[in-house]
């Protein structure tokens, strides 16, 4: 029974060694490929006082960008209805003078043109515009 257990342990150790060898080989191949593909490093040395100098016509970017302008929509305001005049006499416009009747004109017409007003019985009484 001990031999069977020892066999299993030795089998597991050889399997882990094979897996470890496979991982090491893969890492070595990847490192070689990276070394072949990459170029030489370009180092720079800067010696200065830390005061930036910008030539004429060049402005550095701002440290803070302001938020975009917000233009709210105009308030909703309804126009009041037009003022109505309840007087009998028209405020402006033409009048039709038909004998003893006078009435405001519905639509404009030429001065001195013919027009009519409705009489007491609903009949048309012909006249002239002012």
C-alpha atoms as a PDB file:
ATOM      1  CA  UNK A   1       0.000   0.000   0.000  1.00  0.00           C
ATOM      2  CA  UNK A   2       2.834   2.344   0.705  1.00  0.00           C
ATOM      3  CA  UNK A   3       4.322   1.699  -2.702  1.00  0.00           C
ATOM      4  CA  UNK A   4       1.121   2.696  -4.416  1.00  0.00           C
ATOM      5  CA  UNK A   5       1.031   5.966  -2.485  1.00  0.00           C
ATOM      6  CA  UNK A   6       4.674   6.648  -3.227  1.00  0.00           C
ATOM      7  CA  UNK A   7       3.999   6.013  -6.907  1.00  0.00           C
ATOM      8  CA  UNK A   8       1.243   8.538  -6.934  1.00  0.00           C
ATOM      9  CA  UNK A   9       3.407  11.146  -5.222  1.00  0.00           C
ATOM     10  CA  UNK A  10       6.254  10.621  -7.641  1.00  0.00           C
ATOM     11  CA  UNK A  11       3.827  10.854 -10.593  1.00  0.00           C
ATOM     12  CA  UNK A  12       2.385  14.122  -9.267  1.00  0.00           C
ATOM     13  CA  UNK A  13       5.836  15.600  -8.757  1.00  0.00           C
ATOM     14  CA  UNK A  14       6.906  14.746 -12.286  1.00  0.00           C
ATOM     15  CA  UNK A  15       3.717  16.304 -13.633  1.00  0.00           C
ATOM     16  CA  UNK A  16       4.282  19.535 -11.705  1.00  0.00           C
ATOM     17  CA  UNK A  17       7.882  19.680 -12.929  1.00  0.00           C
ATOM     18  CA  UNK A  18       6.711  19.281 -16.513  1.00  0.00           C
ATOM     19  CA  UNK A  19       4.146  22.090 -16.022  1.00  0.00           C
ATOM     20  CA  UNK A  20       6.776  24.312 -14.409  1.00  0.00           C
ATOM     21  CA  UNK A  21       9.156  23.693 -17.295  1.00  0.00           C
ATOM     22  CA  UNK A  22       6.403  24.568 -19.770  1.00  0.00           C
ATOM     23  CA  UNK A  23       5.673  27.881 -17.981  1.00  0.00           C
ATOM     24  CA  UNK A  24       9.360  28.822 -17.768  1.00  0.00           C
ATOM     25  CA  UNK A  25       9.826  28.040 -21.462  1.00  0.00           C
ATOM     26  CA  UNK A  26       6.780  30.159 -22.425  1.00  0.00           C
ATOM     27  CA  UNK A  27       8.002  33.123 -20.366  1.00  0.00           C
ATOM     28  CA  UNK A  28      11.473  32.856 -21.919  1.00  0.00           C
ATOM     29  CA  UNK A  29      10.022  32.855 -25.466  1.00  0.00           C
ATOM     30  CA  UNK A  30       7.839  35.875 -24.688  1.00  0.00           C
ATOM     31  CA  UNK A  31      10.780  37.804 -23.197  1.00  0.00           C
ATOM     32  CA  UNK A  32      12.878  37.024 -26.279  1.00  0.00           C
ATOM     33  CA  UNK A  33      10.125  38.251 -28.601  1.00  0.00           C
ATOM     34  CA  UNK A  34       9.732  41.477 -26.629  1.00  0.00           C
ATOM     35  CA  UNK A  35      13.484  42.017 -26.767  1.00  0.00           C
ATOM     36  CA  UNK A  36      13.541  41.541 -30.538  1.00  0.00           C
ATOM     37  CA  UNK A  37      10.540  43.725 -31.267  1.00  0.00           C
ATOM     38  CA  UNK A  38      11.315  46.688 -29.016  1.00  0.00           C
ATOM     39  CA  UNK A  39      13.757  49.410 -29.997  1.00  0.00           C
ATOM     40  CA  UNK A  40      16.478  51.043 -27.949  1.00  0.00           C
ATOM     41  CA  UNK A  41      15.414  53.329 -25.142  1.00  0.00           C
ATOM     42  CA  UNK A  42      15.722  57.054 -25.743  1.00  0.00           C
ATOM     43  CA  UNK A  43      16.606  58.800 -22.529  1.00  0.00           C
ATOM     44  CA  UNK A  44      16.411  62.533 -22.075  1.00  0.00           C
ATOM     45  CA  UNK A  45      18.093  64.675 -19.485  1.00  0.00           C
ATOM     46  CA  UNK A  46      16.471  67.913 -18.361  1.00  0.00           C
ATOM     47  CA  UNK A  47      18.243  70.462 -16.247  1.00  0.00           C
ATOM     48  CA  UNK A  48      16.224  73.564 -15.451  1.00  0.00           C
ATOM     49  CA  UNK A  49      14.751  75.825 -12.821  1.00  0.00           C
ATOM     50  CA  UNK A  50      11.169  74.701 -13.191  1.00  0.00           C
ATOM     51  CA  UNK A  51       9.945  77.971 -14.688  1.00  0.00           C
ATOM     52  CA  UNK A  52       8.239  77.276 -17.997  1.00  0.00           C
ATOM     53  CA  UNK A  53       8.997  79.635 -20.840  1.00  0.00           C
ATOM     54  CA  UNK A  54       6.655  79.778 -23.766  1.00  0.00           C
ATOM     55  CA  UNK A  55       7.714  81.495 -26.926  1.00  0.00           C
ATOM     56  CA  UNK A  56       5.652  84.205 -28.610  1.00  0.00           C
ATOM     57  CA  UNK A  57       2.331  83.026 -29.982  1.00  0.00           C
ATOM     58  CA  UNK A  58       2.169  79.921 -27.813  1.00  0.00           C
ATOM     59  CA  UNK A  59      -0.116  79.734 -24.828  1.00  0.00           C
ATOM     60  CA  UNK A  60      -0.197  76.794 -22.438  1.00  0.00           C
ATOM     61  CA  UNK A  61      -3.459  74.954 -21.888  1.00  0.00           C
ATOM     62  CA  UNK A  62      -5.523  76.283 -18.992  1.00  0.00           C
ATOM     63  CA  UNK A  63      -5.479  74.454 -15.694  1.00  0.00           C
ATOM     64  CA  UNK A  64      -9.258  74.643 -15.503  1.00  0.00           C
ATOM     65  CA  UNK A  65     -11.724  74.488 -18.346  1.00  0.00           C
ATOM     66  CA  UNK A  66     -14.926  76.363 -17.544  1.00  0.00           C
ATOM     67  CA  UNK A  67     -18.159  74.426 -17.959  1.00  0.00           C
ATOM     68  CA  UNK A  68     -20.095  74.996 -21.175  1.00  0.00           C
ATOM     69  CA  UNK A  69     -22.526  77.884 -21.199  1.00  0.00           C
ATOM     70  CA  UNK A  70     -26.066  76.922 -20.310  1.00  0.00           C
ATOM     71  CA  UNK A  71     -28.831  78.830 -21.963  1.00  0.00           C
ATOM     72  CA  UNK A  72     -32.159  77.906 -20.388  1.00  0.00           C
ATOM     73  CA  UNK A  73     -35.242  78.003 -22.593  1.00  0.00           C
ATOM     74  CA  UNK A  74     -37.284  81.180 -22.395  1.00  0.00           C
ATOM     75  CA  UNK A  75     -40.156  81.138 -19.917  1.00  0.00           C
ATOM     76  CA  UNK A  76     -43.550  80.194 -21.241  1.00  0.00           C
ATOM     77  CA  UNK A  77     -45.644  83.332 -21.285  1.00  0.00           C
ATOM     78  CA  UNK A  78     -48.992  83.522 -22.959  1.00  0.00           C
ATOM     79  CA  UNK A  79     -49.965  86.838 -24.506  1.00  0.00           C
ATOM     80  CA  UNK A  80     -53.139  88.300 -23.069  1.00  0.00           C
ATOM     81  CA  UNK A  81     -56.106  88.369 -25.399  1.00  0.00           C
ATOM     82  CA  UNK A  82     -56.566  91.612 -27.301  1.00  0.00           C
ATOM     83  CA  UNK A  83     -58.646  94.214 -25.557  1.00  0.00           C
ATOM     84  CA  UNK A  84     -62.202  94.360 -26.862  1.00  0.00           C
ATOM     85  CA  UNK A  85     -64.194  97.494 -26.944  1.00  0.00           C
ATOM     86  CA  UNK A  86     -67.868  97.086 -26.189  1.00  0.00           C
ATOM     87  CA  UNK A  87     -68.916 100.566 -27.280  1.00  0.00           C
ATOM     88  CA  UNK A  88     -71.444 100.996 -30.076  1.00  0.00           C
ATOM     89  CA  UNK A  89     -69.270 103.455 -32.010  1.00  0.00           C
ATOM     90  CA  UNK A  90     -66.340 101.933 -33.898  1.00  0.00           C
ATOM     91  CA  UNK A  91     -62.935 103.153 -32.745  1.00  0.00           C
ATOM     92  CA  UNK A  92     -61.516 103.462 -36.255  1.00  0.00           C
ATOM     93  CA  UNK A  93     -62.662 102.507 -39.720  1.00  0.00           C
ATOM     94  CA  UNK A  94     -65.145 103.458 -42.360  1.00  0.00           C
ATOM     95  CA  UNK A  95     -68.830 104.179 -41.915  1.00  0.00           C
ATOM     96  CA  UNK A  96     -71.664 103.622 -44.295  1.00  0.00           C
ATOM     97  CA  UNK A  97     -74.235 106.426 -44.375  1.00  0.00           C
ATOM     98  CA  UNK A  98     -77.495 105.194 -45.815  1.00  0.00           C
ATOM     99  CA  UNK A  99     -80.158 107.864 -45.328  1.00  0.00           C
ATOM    100  CA  UNK A 100     -81.215 107.845 -41.687  1.00  0.00           C
ATOM    101  CA  UNK A 101     -79.090 104.754 -40.985  1.00  0.00           C
ATOM    102  CA  UNK A 102     -75.358 104.686 -40.335  1.00  0.00           C
ATOM    103  CA  UNK A 103     -73.336 101.537 -39.661  1.00  0.00           C
ATOM    104  CA  UNK A 104     -69.680 100.507 -39.502  1.00  0.00           C
ATOM    105  CA  UNK A 105     -68.160  98.797 -42.533  1.00  0.00           C
ATOM    106  CA  UNK A 106     -67.173  95.118 -42.344  1.00  0.00           C
ATOM    107  CA  UNK A 107     -64.323  95.500 -44.821  1.00  0.00           C
ATOM    108  CA  UNK A 108     -62.645  98.581 -46.248  1.00  0.00           C
ATOM    109  CA  UNK A 109     -63.805 100.023 -49.545  1.00  0.00           C
ATOM    110  CA  UNK A 110     -63.171 103.150 -51.623  1.00  0.00           C
ATOM    111  CA  UNK A 111     -64.409 106.469 -50.262  1.00  0.00           C
ATOM    112  CA  UNK A 112     -67.701 107.377 -51.935  1.00  0.00           C
ATOM    113  CA  UNK A 113     -68.367 103.786 -52.963  1.00  0.00           C
ATOM    114  CA  UNK A 114     -71.746 102.153 -52.521  1.00  0.00           C
ATOM    115  CA  UNK A 115     -72.586 100.239 -49.362  1.00  0.00           C
ATOM    116  CA  UNK A 116     -75.658  99.189 -47.419  1.00  0.00           C
ATOM    117  CA  UNK A 117     -76.911  99.068 -43.869  1.00  0.00           C
ATOM    118  CA  UNK A 118     -79.633  96.781 -42.590  1.00  0.00           C
ATOM    119  CA  UNK A 119     -82.841  98.540 -41.757  1.00  0.00           C
ATOM    120  CA  UNK A 120     -85.290  97.811 -38.913  1.00  0.00           C
ATOM    121  CA  UNK A 121     -87.003  95.044 -40.860  1.00  0.00           C
ATOM    122  CA  UNK A 122     -83.702  93.485 -42.027  1.00  0.00           C
ATOM    123  CA  UNK A 123     -83.912  95.006 -45.527  1.00  0.00           C
ATOM    124  CA  UNK A 124     -80.867  96.535 -47.194  1.00  0.00           C
ATOM    125  CA  UNK A 125     -80.746 100.317 -47.240  1.00  0.00           C
ATOM    126  CA  UNK A 126     -78.193 101.528 -49.783  1.00  0.00           C
ATOM    127  CA  UNK A 127     -75.810 104.411 -49.071  1.00  0.00           C
ATOM    128  CA  UNK A 128     -72.282 105.786 -49.536  1.00  0.00           C
ATOM    129  CA  UNK A 129     -69.015 105.312 -47.570  1.00  0.00           C
ATOM    130  CA  UNK A 130     -67.264 108.249 -45.889  1.00  0.00           C
END
